[in-house]
Amino acid sequence: MGNGDKYMIEFKKKIESLNDSREYKEFLSAEEDARKRYNTFKEIGRRERNIEIVKNMLKKKMDIKDISEITGLRVCK
């Protein structure tokens, strides 16, 4: 077995040990929660911006079907 193989075996053991660590799992969970919150706020901002764009288009008397095509938003009845 070469030195590279020994290094990879040791590396794998350390990674497996880290993955089993309670602290590491808690860190990943907190990081995932933060990412989800960020994406949620980003999506809310995107929706609010789309609403403002649609309002402006309606003020310009644009056709609802055209607005739907341009924005990718669907028309609800």
PDB file of N, CA and C in Angstrom:
ATOM      1  N   MET A   1       0.851  -1.168   0.000  1.00  0.00           N
ATOM      2  CA  MET A   1       0.000   0.000   0.000  1.00  0.00           C
ATOM      3  C   MET A   1       0.902   1.238   0.000  1.00  0.00           C
ATOM      4  N   GLY A   2       0.622   2.184  -0.914  1.00  0.00           N
ATOM      5  CA  GLY A   2       1.424   3.392  -1.009  1.00  0.00           C
ATOM      6  C   GLY A   2       1.041   4.410   0.054  1.00  0.00           C
ATOM      7  N   ASN A   3       1.864   5.439   0.171  1.00  0.00           N
ATOM      8  CA  ASN A   3       1.594   6.499   1.148  1.00  0.00           C
ATOM      9  C   ASN A   3       0.264   7.200   0.878  1.00  0.00           C
ATOM     10  N   GLY A   4      -0.064   7.372  -0.400  1.00  0.00           N
ATOM     11  CA  GLY A   4      -1.338   8.003  -0.760  1.00  0.00           C
ATOM     12  C   GLY A   4      -2.515   7.200  -0.255  1.00  0.00           C
ATOM     13  N   ASP A   5      -2.429   5.879  -0.344  1.00  0.00           N
ATOM     14  CA  ASP A   5      -3.507   5.013   0.132  1.00  0.00           C
ATOM     15  C   ASP A   5      -3.666   5.138   1.643  1.00  0.00           C
ATOM     16  N   LYS A   6      -2.546   5.157   2.360  1.00  0.00           N
ATOM     17  CA  LYS A   6      -2.599   5.297   3.817  1.00  0.00           C
ATOM     18  C   LYS A   6      -3.223   6.630   4.197  1.00  0.00           C
ATOM     19  N   TYR A   7      -2.833   7.670   3.465  1.00  0.00           N
ATOM     20  CA  TYR A   7      -3.382   9.003   3.725  1.00  0.00           C
ATOM     21  C   TYR A   7      -4.900   9.010   3.514  1.00  0.00           C
ATOM     22  N   MET A   8      -5.366   8.415   2.441  1.00  0.00           N
ATOM     23  CA  MET A   8      -6.802   8.387   2.138  1.00  0.00           C
ATOM     24  C   MET A   8      -7.573   7.567   3.166  1.00  0.00           C
ATOM     25  N   ILE A   9      -7.005   6.474   3.643  1.00  0.00           N
ATOM     26  CA  ILE A   9      -7.659   5.652   4.667  1.00  0.00           C
ATOM     27  C   ILE A   9      -7.806   6.467   5.951  1.00  0.00           C
ATOM     28  N   GLU A  10      -6.742   7.158   6.331  1.00  0.00           N
ATOM     29  CA  GLU A  10      -6.780   7.994   7.542  1.00  0.00           C
ATOM     30  C   GLU A  10      -7.774   9.147   7.371  1.00  0.00           C
ATOM     31  N   PHE A  11      -7.770   9.748   6.199  1.00  0.00           N
ATOM     32  CA  PHE A  11      -8.694  10.838   5.887  1.00  0.00           C
ATOM     33  C   PHE A  11     -10.140  10.362   5.996  1.00  0.00           C
ATOM     34  N   LYS A  12     -10.419   9.180   5.443  1.00  0.00           N
ATOM     35  CA  LYS A  12     -11.770   8.611   5.492  1.00  0.00           C
ATOM     36  C   LYS A  12     -12.199   8.380   6.935  1.00  0.00           C
ATOM     37  N   LYS A  13     -11.300   7.870   7.755  1.00  0.00           N
ATOM     38  CA  LYS A  13     -11.622   7.628   9.173  1.00  0.00           C
ATOM     39  C   LYS A  13     -11.974   8.931   9.881  1.00  0.00           C
ATOM     40  N   LYS A  14     -11.200   9.987   9.595  1.00  0.00           N
ATOM     41  CA  LYS A  14     -11.464  11.279  10.233  1.00  0.00           C
ATOM     42  C   LYS A  14     -12.795  11.860   9.779  1.00  0.00           C
ATOM     43  N   ILE A  15     -13.111  11.723   8.514  1.00  0.00           N
ATOM     44  CA  ILE A  15     -14.394  12.216   7.990  1.00  0.00           C
ATOM     45  C   ILE A  15     -15.553  11.455   8.624  1.00  0.00           C
ATOM     46  N   GLU A  16     -15.433  10.147   8.701  1.00  0.00           N
ATOM     47  CA  GLU A  16     -16.488   9.345   9.324  1.00  0.00           C
ATOM     48  C   GLU A  16     -16.670   9.720  10.788  1.00  0.00           C
ATOM     49  N   SER A  17     -15.570   9.973  11.472  1.00  0.00           N
ATOM     50  CA  SER A  17     -15.630  10.390  12.875  1.00  0.00           C
ATOM     51  C   SER A  17     -16.335  11.739  13.000  1.00  0.00           C
ATOM     52  N   LEU A  18     -16.022  12.646  12.100  1.00  0.00           N
ATOM     53  CA  LEU A  18     -16.658  13.963  12.106  1.00  0.00           C
ATOM     54  C   LEU A  18     -18.152  13.840  11.832  1.00  0.00           C
ATOM     55  N   ASN A  19     -18.525  13.033  10.884  1.00  0.00           N
ATOM     56  CA  ASN A  19     -19.933  12.845  10.550  1.00  0.00           C
ATOM     57  C   ASN A  19     -20.733  12.267  11.713  1.00  0.00           C
ATOM     58  N   ASP A  20     -20.084  11.512  12.572  1.00  0.00           N
ATOM     59  CA  ASP A  20     -20.752  10.923  13.730  1.00  0.00           C
ATOM     60  C   ASP A  20     -20.807  11.877  14.924  1.00  0.00           C
ATOM     61  N   SER A  21     -20.111  12.988  14.839  1.00  0.00           N
ATOM     62  CA  SER A  21     -20.022  13.941  15.944  1.00  0.00           C
ATOM     63  C   SER A  21     -21.348  14.692  16.138  1.00  0.00           C
ATOM     64  N   ARG A  22     -21.823  14.735  17.377  1.00  0.00           N
ATOM     65  CA  ARG A  22     -23.069  15.443  17.697  1.00  0.00           C
ATOM     66  C   ARG A  22     -22.934  16.934  17.393  1.00  0.00           C
ATOM     67  N   GLU A  23     -21.792  17.525  17.759  1.00  0.00           N
ATOM     68  CA  GLU A  23     -21.572  18.950  17.532  1.00  0.00           C
ATOM     69  C   GLU A  23     -21.615  19.293  16.044  1.00  0.00           C
ATOM     70  N   TYR A  24     -21.016  18.433  15.228  1.00  0.00           N
ATOM     71  CA  TYR A  24     -21.002  18.656  13.787  1.00  0.00           C
ATOM     72  C   TYR A  24     -22.421  18.568  13.220  1.00  0.00           C
ATOM     73  N   LYS A  25     -23.192  17.604  13.688  1.00  0.00           N
ATOM     74  CA  LYS A  25     -24.569  17.462  13.216  1.00  0.00           C
ATOM     75  C   LYS A  25     -25.392  18.682  13.605  1.00  0.00           C
ATOM     76  N   GLU A  26     -25.190  19.208  14.811  1.00  0.00           N
ATOM     77  CA  GLU A  26     -25.908  20.407  15.242  1.00  0.00           C
ATOM     78  C   GLU A  26     -25.501  21.607  14.396  1.00  0.00           C
ATOM     79  N   PHE A  27     -24.199  21.703  14.082  1.00  0.00           N
ATOM     80  CA  PHE A  27     -23.716  22.791  13.244  1.00  0.00           C
ATOM     81  C   PHE A  27     -24.368  22.724  11.867  1.00  0.00           C
ATOM     82  N   LEU A  28     -24.391  21.545  11.267  1.00  0.00           N
ATOM     83  CA  LEU A  28     -24.996  21.390   9.945  1.00  0.00           C
ATOM     84  C   LEU A  28     -26.478  21.719   9.978  1.00  0.00           C
ATOM     85  N   SER A  29     -27.154  21.314  11.037  1.00  0.00           N
ATOM     86  CA  SER A  29     -28.577  21.590  11.161  1.00  0.00           C
ATOM     87  C   SER A  29     -28.825  23.100  11.234  1.00  0.00           C
ATOM     88  N   ALA A  30     -28.020  23.806  12.026  1.00  0.00           N
ATOM     89  CA  ALA A  30     -28.161  25.260  12.147  1.00  0.00           C
ATOM     90  C   ALA A  30     -27.840  25.949  10.823  1.00  0.00           C
ATOM     91  N   GLU A  31     -26.819  25.460  10.148  1.00  0.00           N
ATOM     92  CA  GLU A  31     -26.439  26.030   8.855  1.00  0.00           C
ATOM     93  C   GLU A  31     -27.550  25.811   7.828  1.00  0.00           C
ATOM     94  N   GLU A  32     -28.139  24.642   7.822  1.00  0.00           N
ATOM     95  CA  GLU A  32     -29.241  24.338   6.899  1.00  0.00           C
ATOM     96  C   GLU A  32     -30.449  25.212   7.206  1.00  0.00           C
ATOM     97  N   ASP A  33     -30.764  25.399   8.481  1.00  0.00           N
ATOM     98  CA  ASP A  33     -31.878  26.269   8.868  1.00  0.00           C
ATOM     99  C   ASP A  33     -31.649  27.696   8.382  1.00  0.00           C
ATOM    100  N   ALA A  34     -30.428  28.190   8.536  1.00  0.00           N
ATOM    101  CA  ALA A  34     -30.102  29.546   8.086  1.00  0.00           C
ATOM    102  C   ALA A  34     -30.246  29.660   6.573  1.00  0.00           C
ATOM    103  N   ARG A  35     -29.797  28.637   5.852  1.00  0.00           N
ATOM    104  CA  ARG A  35     -29.917  28.652   4.393  1.00  0.00           C
ATOM    105  C   ARG A  35     -31.372  28.653   3.957  1.00  0.00           C
ATOM    106  N   LYS A  36     -32.198  27.862   4.632  1.00  0.00           N
ATOM    107  CA  LYS A  36     -33.624  27.813   4.303  1.00  0.00           C
ATOM    108  C   LYS A  36     -34.291  29.158   4.568  1.00  0.00           C
ATOM    109  N   ARG A  37     -33.950  29.792   5.697  1.00  0.00           N
ATOM    110  CA  ARG A  37     -34.517  31.113   6.004  1.00  0.00           C
ATOM    111  C   ARG A  37     -34.108  32.132   4.949  1.00  0.00           C
ATOM    112  N   TYR A  38     -32.838  32.114   4.574  1.00  0.00           N
ATOM    113  CA  TYR A  38     -32.346  33.044   3.559  1.00  0.00           C
ATOM    114  C   TYR A  38     -33.109  32.849   2.247  1.00  0.00           C
ATOM    115  N   ASN A  39     -33.258  31.611   1.815  1.00  0.00           N
ATOM    116  CA  ASN A  39     -33.960  31.328   0.560  1.00  0.00           C
ATOM    117  C   ASN A  39     -35.429  31.732   0.642  1.00  0.00           C
ATOM    118  N   THR A  40     -36.034  31.554   1.812  1.00  0.00           N
ATOM    119  CA  THR A  40     -37.432  31.949   1.992  1.00  0.00           C
ATOM    120  C   THR A  40     -37.573  33.457   1.854  1.00  0.00           C
ATOM    121  N   PHE A  41     -36.701  34.215   2.522  1.00  0.00           N
ATOM    122  CA  PHE A  41     -36.767  35.675   2.432  1.00  0.00           C
ATOM    123  C   PHE A  41     -36.476  36.157   1.018  1.00  0.00           C
ATOM    124  N   LYS A  42     -35.573  35.492   0.347  1.00  0.00           N
ATOM    125  CA  LYS A  42     -35.257  35.835  -1.035  1.00  0.00           C
ATOM    126  C   LYS A  42     -36.488  35.621  -1.925  1.00  0.00           C
ATOM    127  N   GLU A  43     -37.177  34.513  -1.717  1.00  0.00           N
ATOM    128  CA  GLU A  43     -38.376  34.211  -2.501  1.00  0.00           C
ATOM    129  C   GLU A  43     -39.481  35.209  -2.198  1.00  0.00           C
ATOM    130  N   ILE A  44     -39.649  35.590  -0.942  1.00  0.00           N
ATOM    131  CA  ILE A  44     -40.665  36.590  -0.584  1.00  0.00           C
ATOM    132  C   ILE A  44     -40.361  37.907  -1.285  1.00  0.00           C
ATOM    133  N   GLY A  45     -39.095  38.316  -1.279  1.00  0.00           N
ATOM    134  CA  GLY A  45     -38.693  39.546  -1.960  1.00  0.00           C
ATOM    135  C   GLY A  45     -38.967  39.482  -3.446  1.00  0.00           C
ATOM    136  N   ARG A  46     -38.695  38.339  -4.051  1.00  0.00           N
ATOM    137  CA  ARG A  46     -38.950  38.152  -5.489  1.00  0.00           C
ATOM    138  C   ARG A  46     -40.443  38.263  -5.785  1.00  0.00           C
ATOM    139  N   ARG A  47     -41.266  37.667  -4.948  1.00  0.00           N
ATOM    140  CA  ARG A  47     -42.723  37.740  -5.161  1.00  0.00           C
ATOM    141  C   ARG A  47     -43.228  39.165  -5.013  1.00  0.00           C
ATOM    142  N   GLU A  48     -42.739  39.864  -3.979  1.00  0.00           N
ATOM    143  CA  GLU A  48     -43.169  41.253  -3.771  1.00  0.00           C
ATOM    144  C   GLU A  48     -42.768  42.122  -4.957  1.00  0.00           C
ATOM    145  N   ARG A  49     -41.578  41.899  -5.495  1.00  0.00           N
ATOM    146  CA  ARG A  49     -41.133  42.658  -6.659  1.00  0.00           C
ATOM    147  C   ARG A  49     -42.007  42.348  -7.866  1.00  0.00           C
ATOM    148  N   ASN A  50     -42.370  41.086  -8.052  1.00  0.00           N
ATOM    149  CA  ASN A  50     -43.255  40.719  -9.163  1.00  0.00           C
ATOM    150  C   ASN A  50     -44.605  41.395  -9.029  1.00  0.00           C
ATOM    151  N   ILE A  51     -45.115  41.476  -7.813  1.00  0.00           N
ATOM    152  CA  ILE A  51     -46.408  42.141  -7.588  1.00  0.00           C
ATOM    153  C   ILE A  51     -46.315  43.607  -7.987  1.00  0.00           C
ATOM    154  N   GLU A  52     -45.232  44.280  -7.620  1.00  0.00           N
ATOM    155  CA  GLU A  52     -45.049  45.683  -7.991  1.00  0.00           C
ATOM    156  C   GLU A  52     -44.957  45.839  -9.504  1.00  0.00           C
ATOM    157  N   ILE A  53     -44.259  44.938 -10.164  1.00  0.00           N
ATOM    158  CA  ILE A  53     -44.138  44.997 -11.622  1.00  0.00           C
ATOM    159  C   ILE A  53     -45.507  44.821 -12.268  1.00  0.00           C
ATOM    160  N   VAL A  54     -46.269  43.847 -11.788  1.00  0.00           N
ATOM    161  CA  VAL A  54     -47.599  43.600 -12.343  1.00  0.00           C
ATOM    162  C   VAL A  54     -48.501  44.809 -12.121  1.00  0.00           C
ATOM    163  N   LYS A  55     -48.461  45.402 -10.940  1.00  0.00           N
ATOM    164  CA  LYS A  55     -49.270  46.605 -10.672  1.00  0.00           C
ATOM    165  C   LYS A  55     -48.935  47.714 -11.668  1.00  0.00           C
ATOM    166  N   ASN A  56     -47.637  47.913 -11.915  1.00  0.00           N
ATOM    167  CA  ASN A  56     -47.229  48.947 -12.874  1.00  0.00           C
ATOM    168  C   ASN A  56     -47.704  48.626 -14.282  1.00  0.00           C
ATOM    169  N   MET A  57     -47.663  47.365 -14.651  1.00  0.00           N
ATOM    170  CA  MET A  57     -48.140  46.971 -15.978  1.00  0.00           C
ATOM    171  C   MET A  57     -49.645  47.205 -16.099  1.00  0.00           C
ATOM    172  N   LEU A  58     -50.373  46.881 -15.035  1.00  0.00           N
ATOM    173  CA  LEU A  58     -51.821  47.097 -15.059  1.00  0.00           C
ATOM    174  C   LEU A  58     -52.153  48.585 -15.138  1.00  0.00           C
ATOM    175  N   LYS A  59     -51.374  49.419 -14.460  1.00  0.00           N
ATOM    176  CA  LYS A  59     -51.579  50.873 -14.541  1.00  0.00           C
ATOM    177  C   LYS A  59     -51.398  51.370 -15.968  1.00  0.00           C
ATOM    178  N   LYS A  60     -50.530  50.692 -16.731  1.00  0.00           N
ATOM    179  CA  LYS A  60     -50.277  51.049 -18.130  1.00  0.00           C
ATOM    180  C   LYS A  60     -51.306  50.409 -19.063  1.00  0.00           C
ATOM    181  N   LYS A  61     -52.313  49.766 -18.453  1.00  0.00           N
ATOM    182  CA  LYS A  61     -53.414  49.134 -19.210  1.00  0.00           C
ATOM    183  C   LYS A  61     -52.938  47.985 -20.096  1.00  0.00           C
ATOM    184  N   MET A  62     -51.898  47.287 -19.654  1.00  0.00           N
ATOM    185  CA  MET A  62     -51.419  46.139 -20.421  1.00  0.00           C
ATOM    186  C   MET A  62     -52.393  44.979 -20.263  1.00  0.00           C
ATOM    187  N   ASP A  63     -52.491  44.180 -21.296  1.00  0.00           N
ATOM    188  CA  ASP A  63     -53.366  43.018 -21.301  1.00  0.00           C
ATOM    189  C   ASP A  63     -52.862  41.979 -20.290  1.00  0.00           C
ATOM    190  N   ILE A  64     -53.793  41.371 -19.577  1.00  0.00           N
ATOM    191  CA  ILE A  64     -53.441  40.398 -18.536  1.00  0.00           C
ATOM    192  C   ILE A  64     -52.689  39.205 -19.128  1.00  0.00           C
ATOM    193  N   LYS A  65     -53.091  38.757 -20.312  1.00  0.00           N
ATOM    194  CA  LYS A  65     -52.390  37.634 -20.943  1.00  0.00           C
ATOM    195  C   LYS A  65     -50.941  38.004 -21.268  1.00  0.00           C
ATOM    196  N   ASP A  66     -50.720  39.242 -21.719  1.00  0.00           N
ATOM    197  CA  ASP A  66     -49.356  39.698 -22.001  1.00  0.00           C
ATOM    198  C   ASP A  66     -48.540  39.760 -20.710  1.00  0.00           C
ATOM    199  N   ILE A  67     -49.160  40.261 -19.655  1.00  0.00           N
ATOM    200  CA  ILE A  67     -48.486  40.335 -18.353  1.00  0.00           C
ATOM    201  C   ILE A  67     -48.091  38.937 -17.900  1.00  0.00           C
ATOM    202  N   SER A  68     -48.990  37.990 -18.067  1.00  0.00           N
ATOM    203  CA  SER A  68     -48.721  36.612 -17.675  1.00  0.00           C
ATOM    204  C   SER A  68     -47.544  36.044 -18.472  1.00  0.00           C
ATOM    205  N   GLU A  69     -47.524  36.303 -19.768  1.00  0.00           N
ATOM    206  CA  GLU A  69     -46.426  35.820 -20.616  1.00  0.00           C
ATOM    207  C   GLU A  69     -45.097  36.447 -20.218  1.00  0.00           C
ATOM    208  N   ILE A  70     -45.108  37.741 -19.983  1.00  0.00           N
ATOM    209  CA  ILE A  70     -43.873  38.467 -19.677  1.00  0.00           C
ATOM    210  C   ILE A  70     -43.309  38.069 -18.325  1.00  0.00           C
ATOM    211  N   THR A  71     -44.180  37.958 -17.312  1.00  0.00           N
ATOM    212  CA  THR A  71     -43.718  37.701 -15.949  1.00  0.00           C
ATOM    213  C   THR A  71     -43.594  36.218 -15.622  1.00  0.00           C
ATOM    214  N   GLY A  72     -44.270  35.387 -16.407  1.00  0.00           N
ATOM    215  CA  GLY A  72     -44.277  33.955 -16.082  1.00  0.00           C
ATOM    216  C   GLY A  72     -45.281  33.605 -14.998  1.00  0.00           C
ATOM    217  N   LEU A  73     -46.045  34.600 -14.558  1.00  0.00           N
ATOM    218  CA  LEU A  73     -47.077  34.352 -13.542  1.00  0.00           C
ATOM    219  C   LEU A  73     -48.332  33.882 -14.249  1.00  0.00           C
ATOM    220  N   ARG A  74     -49.063  32.992 -13.594  1.00  0.00           N
ATOM    221  CA  ARG A  74     -50.275  32.482 -14.232  1.00  0.00           C
ATOM    222  C   ARG A  74     -51.482  33.333 -13.830  1.00  0.00           C
ATOM    223  N   VAL A  75     -52.456  33.343 -14.689  1.00  0.00           N
ATOM    224  CA  VAL A  75     -53.675  34.104 -14.463  1.00  0.00           C
ATOM    225  C   VAL A  75     -54.628  33.244 -13.642  1.00  0.00           C
ATOM    226  N   CYS A  76     -55.083  33.780 -12.516  1.00  0.00           N
ATOM    227  CA  CYS A  76     -56.058  33.090 -11.682  1.00  0.00           C
ATOM    228  C   CYS A  76     -57.426  33.705 -11.903  1.00  0.00           C
ATOM    229  N   LYS A  77     -58.412  32.861 -11.937  1.00  0.00           N
ATOM    230  CA  LYS A  77     -59.780  33.369 -12.152  1.00  0.00           C
ATOM    231  C   LYS A  77     -60.587  33.208 -10.906  1.00  0.00           C
TER     232      LYS A  77
END
